[in-house]
């Protein structure tokens, strides 16, 4: 059993969930499921409207599968993944997988798509160079994260970034099974990514790694975010 992570970056803040609409912005199908699906399941169980905004259809993401086949396949797997956590509003910007760094209108397209949904909260993809020592971030993830921040800064939206060292916590202990089901819905993608490990075992491992036990939550498993705007932090007296 995993030990709760030490509160080395205290004080932590439990996310203020006084909102009705939230948009999650990522580069590819499966990116939301890589760490945020348990939080999504929590919010939809509370009646909140959750939307996904994907910059690409992930058509370059399955080794050995042609883009014209992989794109629709990954879209279908993303649709199935959303069902497991109560999400049906999934929007694609149809930009090239692997080419987000060179997409000149990425910022504008993100801003326009988010504005159509008028969320109070937006969560953007981790934009750091590394998740940890030796764990490089994908260039598309970095590009999507940075473009989302540029698009939404100053919008008045409460803006957060997925961050393994973030100070804003979400208790997802009761929604881990849904998160595993959601990631496992990317069956063909995961089966090629690691053919030696059963898909559900891969999904379970990812959820356990990204939703770690946290001392600040009494040892319950949580997701960590970083607040990017003043609106994302509690008001001070």
Protein backbone atom coordinates (compact mmCIF):
# COMPACT_ATOMS: atom_id res chain seq x y z
CA UNK A 1 0.00 0.00 0.00
CA UNK A 2 1.32 3.45 -0.91
CA UNK A 3 2.24 5.81 1.89
CA UNK A 4 0.65 9.28 1.84
CA UNK A 5 2.84 11.88 0.17
CA UNK A 6 4.45 14.25 2.64
CA UNK A 7 3.12 17.81 2.69
CA UNK A 8 6.40 19.28 1.48
CA UNK A 9 4.70 22.15 -0.34
CA UNK A 10 2.19 23.09 2.38
CA UNK A 11 -0.01 24.98 2.89
CA UNK A 12 -2.33 23.09 0.59
CA UNK A 13 -5.74 24.31 -0.54
CA UNK A 14 -8.72 22.08 -1.22
CA UNK A 15 -10.27 23.12 -4.52
CA UNK A 16 -13.30 25.38 -4.15
CA UNK A 17 -15.95 23.46 -6.09
CA UNK A 18 -18.43 26.32 -6.20
CA UNK A 19 -18.78 26.21 -9.99
CA UNK A 20 -21.19 24.71 -12.51
CA UNK A 21 -19.12 24.47 -15.71
CA UNK A 22 -15.52 23.41 -16.23
CA UNK A 23 -13.46 22.87 -19.38
CA UNK A 24 -10.37 20.66 -19.55
CA UNK A 25 -7.95 21.52 -22.38
CA UNK A 26 -5.45 18.92 -23.64
CA UNK A 27 -3.54 17.92 -26.76
CA UNK A 28 -4.67 14.35 -27.46
CA UNK A 29 -7.27 11.68 -26.73
CA UNK A 30 -6.29 9.93 -23.45
CA UNK A 31 -4.57 13.03 -22.02
CA UNK A 32 -7.46 13.85 -19.68
CA UNK A 33 -7.55 10.23 -18.53
CA UNK A 34 -3.85 10.41 -17.66
CA UNK A 35 -4.49 11.90 -14.25
CA UNK A 36 -7.72 13.93 -14.30
CA UNK A 37 -10.52 11.45 -14.99
CA UNK A 38 -11.15 10.76 -11.30
CA UNK A 39 -11.72 14.47 -10.69
CA UNK A 40 -14.04 14.59 -13.70
CA UNK A 41 -16.05 11.66 -12.33
CA UNK A 42 -16.36 13.48 -9.02
CA UNK A 43 -17.65 16.63 -10.68
CA UNK A 44 -20.18 14.95 -12.95
CA UNK A 45 -21.49 13.01 -9.94
CA UNK A 46 -22.14 16.43 -8.37
CA UNK A 47 -24.11 17.55 -11.42
CA UNK A 48 -21.44 19.81 -12.91
CA UNK A 49 -21.11 20.26 -16.68
CA UNK A 50 -17.69 19.07 -17.84
CA UNK A 51 -16.37 19.66 -21.36
CA UNK A 52 -13.19 18.40 -23.01
CA UNK A 53 -11.31 20.50 -25.56
CA UNK A 54 -8.75 18.49 -27.53
CA UNK A 55 -6.32 20.19 -29.89
CA UNK A 56 -5.82 17.05 -32.03
CA UNK A 57 -7.45 13.69 -32.71
CA UNK A 58 -4.23 11.85 -31.83
CA UNK A 59 -3.89 10.44 -35.33
CA UNK A 60 -0.12 9.99 -35.00
CA UNK A 61 -0.32 8.26 -31.64
CA UNK A 62 -0.62 4.55 -32.47
CA UNK A 63 2.58 3.07 -33.81
CA UNK A 64 2.05 1.08 -36.98
CA UNK A 65 -1.45 2.45 -37.62
CA UNK A 66 -2.01 4.94 -40.43
CA UNK A 67 -3.24 8.37 -39.32
CA UNK A 68 -6.45 8.10 -41.34
CA UNK A 69 -7.32 4.96 -39.35
CA UNK A 70 -5.86 5.98 -35.99
CA UNK A 71 -7.64 9.35 -35.82
CA UNK A 72 -11.22 8.00 -35.97
CA UNK A 73 -10.26 5.09 -33.72
CA UNK A 74 -8.87 7.38 -31.06
CA UNK A 75 -11.90 9.64 -31.33
CA UNK A 76 -14.17 6.65 -30.70
CA UNK A 77 -12.06 5.53 -27.74
CA UNK A 78 -12.21 9.06 -26.31
CA UNK A 79 -15.99 9.04 -26.66
CA UNK A 80 -16.14 5.75 -24.75
CA UNK A 81 -13.76 7.09 -22.11
CA UNK A 82 -16.03 10.07 -21.56
CA UNK A 83 -19.06 7.84 -21.01
CA UNK A 84 -17.39 6.22 -17.99
CA UNK A 85 -17.07 9.60 -16.23
CA UNK A 86 -20.24 11.27 -17.47
CA UNK A 87 -18.79 13.47 -20.24
CA UNK A 88 -20.31 13.78 -23.71
CA UNK A 89 -19.21 17.28 -24.73
CA UNK A 90 -15.89 16.59 -26.46
CA UNK A 91 -14.62 19.20 -28.92
CA UNK A 92 -11.70 18.85 -31.33
CA UNK A 93 -9.72 21.69 -32.85
CA UNK A 94 -8.46 19.31 -35.58
CA UNK A 95 -4.88 20.53 -35.45
CA UNK A 96 -2.09 18.15 -36.52
CA UNK A 97 -0.94 15.61 -33.95
CA UNK A 98 2.74 16.27 -33.31
CA UNK A 99 2.58 19.77 -34.73
CA UNK A 100 1.05 21.96 -32.03
CA UNK A 101 4.25 23.92 -31.56
CA UNK A 102 3.85 25.17 -35.12
CA UNK A 103 0.12 25.90 -35.01
CA UNK A 104 -0.05 29.70 -35.41
CA UNK A 105 -3.70 30.09 -34.38
CA UNK A 106 -3.74 27.66 -31.44
CA UNK A 107 -4.20 30.40 -28.83
CA UNK A 108 -7.07 32.04 -30.69
CA UNK A 109 -8.86 28.76 -31.36
CA UNK A 110 -8.64 27.72 -27.72
CA UNK A 111 -9.96 31.09 -26.58
CA UNK A 112 -12.91 30.91 -28.99
CA UNK A 113 -13.85 27.32 -28.11
CA UNK A 114 -13.70 27.99 -24.37
CA UNK A 115 -15.74 31.19 -24.70
CA UNK A 116 -18.56 29.23 -26.36
CA UNK A 117 -18.92 27.16 -23.19
CA UNK A 118 -18.60 30.03 -20.71
CA UNK A 119 -17.00 27.98 -17.91
CA UNK A 120 -16.20 29.36 -14.50
CA UNK A 121 -13.17 27.02 -14.30
CA UNK A 122 -10.62 25.78 -16.84
CA UNK A 123 -7.91 23.19 -16.27
CA UNK A 124 -4.99 23.15 -18.67
CA UNK A 125 -2.42 20.51 -19.45
CA UNK A 126 0.86 20.43 -17.55
CA UNK A 127 3.31 22.62 -19.48
CA UNK A 128 6.53 21.83 -17.63
CA UNK A 129 9.48 20.24 -19.42
CA UNK A 130 9.52 17.22 -17.09
CA UNK A 131 6.97 15.44 -14.91
CA UNK A 132 9.91 14.33 -12.80
CA UNK A 133 13.56 13.28 -13.15
CA UNK A 134 13.92 11.48 -16.47
CA UNK A 135 10.21 11.82 -17.32
CA UNK A 136 10.09 14.28 -20.20
CA UNK A 137 6.85 15.97 -21.13
CA UNK A 138 5.49 15.61 -24.68
CA UNK A 139 6.08 18.69 -26.90
CA UNK A 140 2.38 18.77 -27.82
CA UNK A 141 1.44 18.75 -24.13
CA UNK A 142 3.76 21.67 -23.46
CA UNK A 143 2.40 23.58 -26.44
CA UNK A 144 -1.22 22.94 -25.47
CA UNK A 145 -0.60 23.99 -21.89
CA UNK A 146 1.23 27.20 -22.75
CA UNK A 147 -1.28 28.15 -25.44
CA UNK A 148 -4.19 27.56 -23.06
CA UNK A 149 -2.60 29.80 -20.45
CA UNK A 150 -2.02 32.51 -23.04
CA UNK A 151 -5.60 32.17 -24.28
CA UNK A 152 -7.28 32.41 -20.88
CA UNK A 153 -5.13 34.73 -18.78
CA UNK A 154 -7.18 37.82 -18.01
CA UNK A 155 -10.46 36.14 -18.98
CA UNK A 156 -11.80 36.06 -15.42
CA UNK A 157 -11.96 32.27 -15.57
CA UNK A 158 -10.51 30.40 -12.60
CA UNK A 159 -7.49 28.85 -14.29
CA UNK A 160 -5.56 25.82 -13.04
CA UNK A 161 -2.81 23.64 -14.44
CA UNK A 162 -2.46 19.93 -13.86
CA UNK A 163 0.75 19.74 -11.84
CA UNK A 164 2.30 16.82 -9.89
CA UNK A 165 3.54 19.34 -7.31
CA UNK A 166 0.50 21.61 -7.24
CA UNK A 167 -0.90 23.06 -4.03
CA UNK A 168 -4.60 22.79 -4.93
CA UNK A 169 -6.07 19.39 -4.04
CA UNK A 170 -9.12 17.40 -5.13
CA UNK A 171 -10.20 14.35 -3.12
CA UNK A 172 -10.90 11.61 -5.68
CA UNK A 173 -10.78 8.56 -3.42
CA UNK A 174 -14.36 7.56 -4.26
CA UNK A 175 -13.92 7.85 -8.03
CA UNK A 176 -10.84 5.77 -8.79
CA UNK A 177 -12.73 2.87 -10.38
CA UNK A 178 -14.39 5.20 -12.89
CA UNK A 179 -10.99 6.69 -13.71
CA UNK A 180 -9.54 3.24 -14.41
CA UNK A 181 -12.50 2.37 -16.64
CA UNK A 182 -12.12 5.67 -18.48
CA UNK A 183 -8.43 5.21 -19.24
CA UNK A 184 -8.91 1.53 -20.12
CA UNK A 185 -11.40 2.61 -22.79
CA UNK A 186 -8.35 3.69 -24.82
CA UNK A 187 -7.83 -0.01 -25.44
CA UNK A 188 -6.14 -0.04 -28.84
CA UNK A 189 -3.86 2.84 -27.92
CA UNK A 190 -2.72 1.22 -24.67
CA UNK A 191 -2.40 -2.24 -26.21
CA UNK A 192 0.16 -0.90 -28.67
CA UNK A 193 1.83 1.39 -26.13
CA UNK A 194 2.69 -1.57 -23.87
CA UNK A 195 1.81 -4.91 -25.49
CA UNK A 196 3.27 -6.89 -22.59
CA UNK A 197 0.94 -5.46 -19.92
CA UNK A 198 -2.84 -5.96 -19.89
CA UNK A 199 -4.69 -2.74 -20.64
CA UNK A 200 -6.57 -2.62 -17.34
CA UNK A 201 -3.34 -3.18 -15.43
CA UNK A 202 -1.79 -0.24 -17.28
CA UNK A 203 -4.81 1.93 -16.50
CA UNK A 204 -4.84 0.96 -12.85
CA UNK A 205 -1.14 1.75 -12.48
CA UNK A 206 -1.52 5.18 -14.08
CA UNK A 207 -4.46 6.08 -11.83
CA UNK A 208 -2.57 4.95 -8.73
CA UNK A 209 0.46 7.02 -9.75
CA UNK A 210 -1.43 10.17 -10.66
CA UNK A 211 -3.95 10.04 -7.81
CA UNK A 212 -1.60 9.51 -4.90
CA UNK A 213 -2.45 9.30 -1.18
CA UNK A 214 -1.94 12.73 0.38
CA UNK A 215 -1.40 13.60 4.03
CA UNK A 216 -3.36 16.82 3.57
CA UNK A 217 -6.40 14.71 2.63
CA UNK A 218 -6.00 12.33 5.54
CA UNK A 219 -4.26 9.76 3.36
CA UNK A 220 -7.05 9.71 0.79
CA UNK A 221 -6.06 9.78 -2.85
CA UNK A 222 -6.09 13.13 -4.58
CA UNK A 223 -5.36 15.07 -7.75
CA UNK A 224 -3.05 18.08 -7.60
CA UNK A 225 -3.45 21.34 -9.52
CA UNK A 226 -1.56 24.62 -9.61
CA UNK A 227 -3.50 27.87 -9.44
CA UNK A 228 -2.57 30.14 -12.35
CA UNK A 229 -4.75 33.20 -11.72
CA UNK A 230 -5.82 35.25 -8.73
CA UNK A 231 -9.39 34.05 -9.29
CA UNK A 232 -8.19 30.47 -8.73
CA UNK A 233 -7.07 31.21 -5.16
CA UNK A 234 -9.28 31.78 -2.12
CA UNK A 235 -10.06 35.39 -1.29
CA UNK A 236 -8.02 36.79 1.58
CA UNK A 237 -9.43 38.97 4.32
